[in-house]
PDB file of N, CA and C in Angstrom:
ATOM      1  N   THR A   1     -32.914  -1.816 -32.120  1.00  0.00           N
ATOM      2  CA  THR A   1     -33.763  -2.791 -31.960  1.00  0.00           C
ATOM      3  C   THR A   1     -34.772  -2.925 -30.958  1.00  0.00           C
ATOM      4  N   ASP A   2     -35.074  -1.682 -30.787  1.00  0.00           N
ATOM      5  CA  ASP A   2     -36.106  -1.031 -29.495  1.00  0.00           C
ATOM      6  C   ASP A   2     -36.866  -0.004 -29.991  1.00  0.00           C
ATOM      7  N   MET A   3     -37.894  -0.361 -30.467  1.00  0.00           N
ATOM      8  CA  MET A   3     -38.654   0.920 -30.928  1.00  0.00           C
ATOM      9  C   MET A   3     -39.142   1.996 -29.882  1.00  0.00           C
ATOM     10  N   ASP A   4     -39.316   1.468 -28.696  1.00  0.00           N
ATOM     11  CA  ASP A   4     -39.678   2.474 -27.337  1.00  0.00           C
ATOM     12  C   ASP A   4     -38.718   3.467 -27.173  1.00  0.00           C
ATOM     13  N   ALA A   5     -37.289   2.646 -27.342  1.00  0.00           N
ATOM     14  CA  ALA A   5     -35.905   3.551 -27.130  1.00  0.00           C
ATOM     15  C   ALA A   5     -36.158   4.226 -28.219  1.00  0.00           C
ATOM     16  N   MET A   6     -36.407   4.052 -29.518  1.00  0.00           N
ATOM     17  CA  MET A   6     -36.110   5.262 -30.691  1.00  0.00           C
ATOM     18  C   MET A   6     -37.059   6.131 -30.028  1.00  0.00           C
ATOM     19  N   LYS A   7     -38.301   6.033 -29.603  1.00  0.00           N
ATOM     20  CA  LYS A   7     -39.053   7.510 -29.236  1.00  0.00           C
ATOM     21  C   LYS A   7     -38.613   8.189 -28.138  1.00  0.00           C
ATOM     22  N   LYS A   8     -37.802   7.650 -27.513  1.00  0.00           N
ATOM     23  CA  LYS A   8     -37.555   8.397 -26.296  1.00  0.00           C
ATOM     24  C   LYS A   8     -35.943   9.096 -26.840  1.00  0.00           C
ATOM     25  N   TYR A   9     -35.478   8.868 -27.741  1.00  0.00           N
ATOM     26  CA  TYR A   9     -34.306   9.569 -28.187  1.00  0.00           C
ATOM     27  C   TYR A   9     -34.691  10.442 -29.454  1.00  0.00           C
ATOM     28  N   ASN A  10     -35.906  10.162 -29.852  1.00  0.00           N
ATOM     29  CA  ASN A  10     -36.542  11.175 -31.057  1.00  0.00           C
ATOM     30  C   ASN A  10     -36.390  12.424 -30.762  1.00  0.00           C
ATOM     31  N   ASP A  11     -36.749  12.692 -29.176  1.00  0.00           N
ATOM     32  CA  ASP A  11     -37.271  13.874 -28.640  1.00  0.00           C
ATOM     33  C   ASP A  11     -35.759  14.851 -28.685  1.00  0.00           C
ATOM     34  N   ALA A  12     -34.533  13.926 -28.083  1.00  0.00           N
ATOM     35  CA  ALA A  12     -33.169  14.624 -28.271  1.00  0.00           C
ATOM     36  C   ALA A  12     -32.738  15.055 -29.738  1.00  0.00           C
ATOM     37  N   ARG A  13     -33.372  14.286 -30.776  1.00  0.00           N
ATOM     38  CA  ARG A  13     -32.832  14.320 -31.940  1.00  0.00           C
ATOM     39  C   ARG A  13     -33.321  15.791 -32.484  1.00  0.00           C
ATOM     40  N   LYS A  14     -34.909  15.851 -32.101  1.00  0.00           N
ATOM     41  CA  LYS A  14     -35.659  16.884 -32.756  1.00  0.00           C
ATOM     42  C   LYS A  14     -35.041  18.366 -31.793  1.00  0.00           C
ATOM     43  N   ALA A  15     -34.646  18.102 -30.469  1.00  0.00           N
ATOM     44  CA  ALA A  15     -34.247  19.330 -30.109  1.00  0.00           C
ATOM     45  C   ALA A  15     -32.801  19.637 -30.574  1.00  0.00           C
ATOM     46  N   PHE A  16     -31.724  18.830 -31.114  1.00  0.00           N
ATOM     47  CA  PHE A  16     -30.569  18.941 -31.692  1.00  0.00           C
ATOM     48  C   PHE A  16     -30.568  19.903 -32.677  1.00  0.00           C
ATOM     49  N   TYR A  17     -31.554  19.411 -33.901  1.00  0.00           N
ATOM     50  CA  TYR A  17     -31.644  19.869 -35.017  1.00  0.00           C
ATOM     51  C   TYR A  17     -32.555  20.906 -35.127  1.00  0.00           C
ATOM     52  N   LYS A  18     -32.418  21.949 -35.934  1.00  0.00           N
ATOM     53  CA  LYS A  18     -33.274  23.091 -35.721  1.00  0.00           C
ATOM     54  C   LYS A  18     -33.761  23.212 -37.186  1.00  0.00           C
ATOM     55  N   GLY A  19     -35.374  23.060 -37.785  1.00  0.00           N
ATOM     56  CA  GLY A  19     -35.368  23.107 -39.100  1.00  0.00           C
ATOM     57  C   GLY A  19     -35.566  21.744 -39.653  1.00  0.00           C
ATOM     58  N   ASP A  20     -34.788  21.949 -40.832  1.00  0.00           N
ATOM     59  CA  ASP A  20     -34.989  20.857 -41.785  1.00  0.00           C
ATOM     60  C   ASP A  20     -33.889  19.739 -41.030  1.00  0.00           C
ATOM     61  N   PHE A  21     -34.293  18.345 -40.812  1.00  0.00           N
ATOM     62  CA  PHE A  21     -33.949  17.359 -40.207  1.00  0.00           C
ATOM     63  C   PHE A  21     -33.419  16.640 -41.446  1.00  0.00           C
ATOM     64  N   PRO A  22     -32.083  15.602 -41.259  1.00  0.00           N
ATOM     65  CA  PRO A  22     -31.570  14.933 -42.180  1.00  0.00           C
ATOM     66  C   PRO A  22     -32.161  13.484 -42.219  1.00  0.00           C
ATOM     67  N   ALA A  23     -32.191  12.878 -43.464  1.00  0.00           N
ATOM     68  CA  ALA A  23     -33.086  11.939 -43.943  1.00  0.00           C
ATOM     69  C   ALA A  23     -32.978  10.763 -42.803  1.00  0.00           C
ATOM     70  N   ALA A  24     -33.778   9.912 -42.419  1.00  0.00           N
ATOM     71  CA  ALA A  24     -33.439   8.813 -41.633  1.00  0.00           C
ATOM     72  C   ALA A  24     -34.635   7.878 -41.597  1.00  0.00           C
ATOM     73  N   THR A  25     -34.073   7.023 -41.282  1.00  0.00           N
ATOM     74  CA  THR A  25     -35.385   5.563 -41.173  1.00  0.00           C
ATOM     75  C   THR A  25     -35.076   4.803 -40.045  1.00  0.00           C
ATOM     76  N   TRP A  26     -36.110   4.580 -39.409  1.00  0.00           N
ATOM     77  CA  TRP A  26     -36.176   3.666 -38.124  1.00  0.00           C
ATOM     78  C   TRP A  26     -37.053   2.417 -38.491  1.00  0.00           C
ATOM     79  N   VAL A  27     -36.341   1.299 -38.474  1.00  0.00           N
ATOM     80  CA  VAL A  27     -36.855   0.023 -38.763  1.00  0.00           C
ATOM     81  C   VAL A  27     -36.798  -1.159 -37.318  1.00  0.00           C
ATOM     82  N   GLN A  28     -37.509  -1.638 -36.985  1.00  0.00           N
ATOM     83  CA  GLN A  28     -37.487  -2.721 -36.082  1.00  0.00           C
ATOM     84  C   GLN A  28     -37.189  -3.931 -36.324  1.00  0.00           C
ATOM     85  N   ILE A  29     -36.154  -4.760 -35.803  1.00  0.00           N
ATOM     86  CA  ILE A  29     -35.660  -5.948 -36.128  1.00  0.00           C
ATOM     87  C   ILE A  29     -35.594  -6.789 -34.792  1.00  0.00           C
ATOM     88  N   THR A  30     -35.273  -7.902 -35.056  1.00  0.00           N
ATOM     89  CA  THR A  30     -35.128  -8.766 -33.684  1.00  0.00           C
ATOM     90  C   THR A  30     -33.885  -8.771 -33.178  1.00  0.00           C
ATOM     91  N   ARG A  31     -32.785  -8.829 -34.088  1.00  0.00           N
ATOM     92  CA  ARG A  31     -31.420  -8.815 -33.663  1.00  0.00           C
ATOM     93  C   ARG A  31     -30.312  -8.360 -34.553  1.00  0.00           C
ATOM     94  N   LEU A  32     -29.514  -7.814 -34.139  1.00  0.00           N
ATOM     95  CA  LEU A  32     -28.031  -7.189 -35.024  1.00  0.00           C
ATOM     96  C   LEU A  32     -27.275  -8.367 -34.902  1.00  0.00           C
ATOM     97  N   PHE A  33     -26.313  -8.071 -35.957  1.00  0.00           N
ATOM     98  CA  PHE A  33     -25.287  -9.338 -36.321  1.00  0.00           C
ATOM     99  C   PHE A  33     -24.303  -9.256 -34.885  1.00  0.00           C
ATOM    100  N   MET A  34     -24.294  -8.341 -34.147  1.00  0.00           N
ATOM    101  CA  MET A  34     -23.142  -8.357 -33.071  1.00  0.00           C
ATOM    102  C   MET A  34     -24.428  -8.351 -31.981  1.00  0.00           C
ATOM    103  N   PRO A  35     -24.389  -9.897 -31.085  1.00  0.00           N
ATOM    104  CA  PRO A  35     -25.438  -9.475 -30.079  1.00  0.00           C
ATOM    105  C   PRO A  35     -25.552  -8.328 -28.823  1.00  0.00           C
ATOM    106  N   ASP A  36     -24.483  -7.854 -28.428  1.00  0.00           N
ATOM    107  CA  ASP A  36     -24.363  -6.746 -27.859  1.00  0.00           C
ATOM    108  C   ASP A  36     -24.762  -5.267 -28.449  1.00  0.00           C
ATOM    109  N   ALA A  37     -24.762  -5.259 -29.516  1.00  0.00           N
ATOM    110  CA  ALA A  37     -25.109  -3.795 -29.976  1.00  0.00           C
ATOM    111  C   ALA A  37     -26.410  -3.540 -30.290  1.00  0.00           C
ATOM    112  N   LYS A  38     -27.134  -1.965 -29.736  1.00  0.00           N
ATOM    113  CA  LYS A  38     -28.218  -1.584 -30.019  1.00  0.00           C
ATOM    114  C   LYS A  38     -28.802  -1.105 -31.086  1.00  0.00           C
ATOM    115  N   LEU A  39     -27.696  -0.563 -31.814  1.00  0.00           N
ATOM    116  CA  LEU A  39     -27.912  -0.108 -32.612  1.00  0.00           C
ATOM    117  C   LEU A  39     -26.787  -0.201 -34.127  1.00  0.00           C
ATOM    118  N   GLU A  40     -27.251  -0.088 -35.485  1.00  0.00           N
ATOM    119  CA  GLU A  40     -26.511  -0.161 -36.626  1.00  0.00           C
ATOM    120  C   GLU A  40     -26.803   1.358 -37.456  1.00  0.00           C
ATOM    121  N   VAL A  41     -25.513   1.695 -37.843  1.00  0.00           N
ATOM    122  CA  VAL A  41     -25.718   3.089 -38.567  1.00  0.00           C
ATOM    123  C   VAL A  41     -25.237   2.738 -40.060  1.00  0.00           C
ATOM    124  N   GLU A  42     -25.926   3.194 -41.039  1.00  0.00           N
ATOM    125  CA  GLU A  42     -25.001   3.287 -42.135  1.00  0.00           C
ATOM    126  C   GLU A  42     -25.635   4.765 -42.797  1.00  0.00           C
ATOM    127  N   LEU A  43     -24.506   5.352 -43.545  1.00  0.00           N
ATOM    128  CA  LEU A  43     -24.687   6.271 -44.072  1.00  0.00           C
ATOM    129  C   LEU A  43     -23.914   6.813 -45.523  1.00  0.00           C
ATOM    130  N   VAL A  44     -24.273   7.525 -46.000  1.00  0.00           N
ATOM    131  CA  VAL A  44     -23.556   7.992 -47.404  1.00  0.00           C
ATOM    132  C   VAL A  44     -23.069   9.710 -47.048  1.00  0.00           C
ATOM    133  N   ALA A  45     -21.806   9.766 -47.316  1.00  0.00           N
ATOM    134  CA  ALA A  45     -21.436  11.460 -47.235  1.00  0.00           C
ATOM    135  C   ALA A  45     -20.856  12.013 -48.444  1.00  0.00           C
ATOM    136  N   HIS A  46     -21.504  13.331 -48.750  1.00  0.00           N
ATOM    137  CA  HIS A  46     -20.587  13.924 -49.780  1.00  0.00           C
ATOM    138  C   HIS A  46     -19.616  14.886 -49.220  1.00  0.00           C
ATOM    139  N   LEU A  47     -18.537  14.603 -49.530  1.00  0.00           N
ATOM    140  CA  LEU A  47     -17.227  15.129 -49.214  1.00  0.00           C
ATOM    141  C   LEU A  47     -16.863  16.240 -50.665  1.00  0.00           C
ATOM    142  N   PRO A  48     -16.820  17.646 -50.148  1.00  0.00           N
ATOM    143  CA  PRO A  48     -16.434  18.374 -51.248  1.00  0.00           C
ATOM    144  C   PRO A  48     -14.976  18.161 -51.856  1.00  0.00           C
ATOM    145  N   ALA A  49     -14.497  18.280 -53.175  1.00  0.00           N
ATOM    146  CA  ALA A  49     -13.604  18.257 -53.674  1.00  0.00           C
ATOM    147  C   ALA A  49     -12.360  19.149 -52.973  1.00  0.00           C
ATOM    148  N   LYS A  50     -11.232  18.843 -52.881  1.00  0.00           N
ATOM    149  CA  LYS A  50     -10.149  19.810 -52.317  1.00  0.00           C
ATOM    150  C   LYS A  50      -9.436  20.519 -53.485  1.00  0.00           C
TER     151      LYS A  50
END
Protein backbone atom coordinates (compact mmCIF):
# COMPACT_ATOMS: atom_id res chain seq x y z
CA THR A 1 0.00 0.00 0.00
CA ASP A 2 3.08 2.27 0.12
CA MET A 3 4.89 2.87 -3.17
CA ASP A 4 7.81 4.59 -1.42
CA ALA A 5 8.41 1.41 0.61
CA MET A 6 8.30 -0.61 -2.62
CA LYS A 7 11.10 1.51 -4.06
CA LYS A 8 13.25 0.79 -1.01
CA TYR A 9 12.69 -2.98 -1.17
CA ASN A 10 13.15 -3.09 -4.93
CA ASP A 11 16.91 -2.57 -4.39
CA ALA A 12 16.98 -5.70 -2.22
CA ARG A 13 15.03 -7.59 -4.90
CA LYS A 14 17.55 -6.56 -7.56
CA ALA A 15 20.44 -7.68 -5.35
CA PHE A 16 18.82 -11.08 -4.70
CA TYR A 17 17.92 -11.96 -8.31
CA LYS A 18 20.78 -11.98 -10.79
CA GLY A 19 19.93 -11.79 -14.49
CA ASP A 20 16.30 -12.52 -15.35
CA PHE A 21 13.78 -11.32 -12.78
CA PRO A 22 10.57 -13.22 -12.03
CA ALA A 23 7.43 -11.46 -13.22
CA ALA A 24 6.01 -8.95 -10.74
CA THR A 25 3.36 -6.25 -10.66
CA TRP A 26 3.32 -3.35 -8.21
CA VAL A 27 -0.04 -1.63 -7.70
CA GLN A 28 -0.81 1.05 -5.13
CA ILE A 29 -4.15 0.77 -3.33
CA THR A 30 -5.68 2.61 -0.38
CA ARG A 31 -5.95 -0.44 1.90
CA LEU A 32 -6.04 -4.22 2.10
CA PHE A 33 -8.76 -6.47 3.56
CA MET A 34 -6.73 -7.01 6.74
CA PRO A 35 -6.11 -3.53 8.24
CA ASP A 36 -2.65 -4.39 9.66
CA ALA A 37 -1.39 -6.05 6.46
CA LYS A 38 1.34 -4.28 4.49
CA LEU A 39 1.17 -6.40 1.34
CA GLU A 40 -0.80 -9.11 -0.38
CA VAL A 41 0.86 -11.85 -2.40
CA GLU A 42 -0.85 -13.87 -5.10
CA LEU A 43 1.10 -16.40 -7.11
CA VAL A 44 0.89 -19.29 -9.49
CA ALA A 45 3.47 -22.07 -9.23
CA HIS A 46 4.19 -24.94 -11.59
CA LEU A 47 5.15 -28.11 -9.76
CA PRO A 48 6.71 -30.89 -11.83
CA ALA A 49 4.92 -34.24 -11.97
CA LYS A 50 6.33 -36.90 -9.67
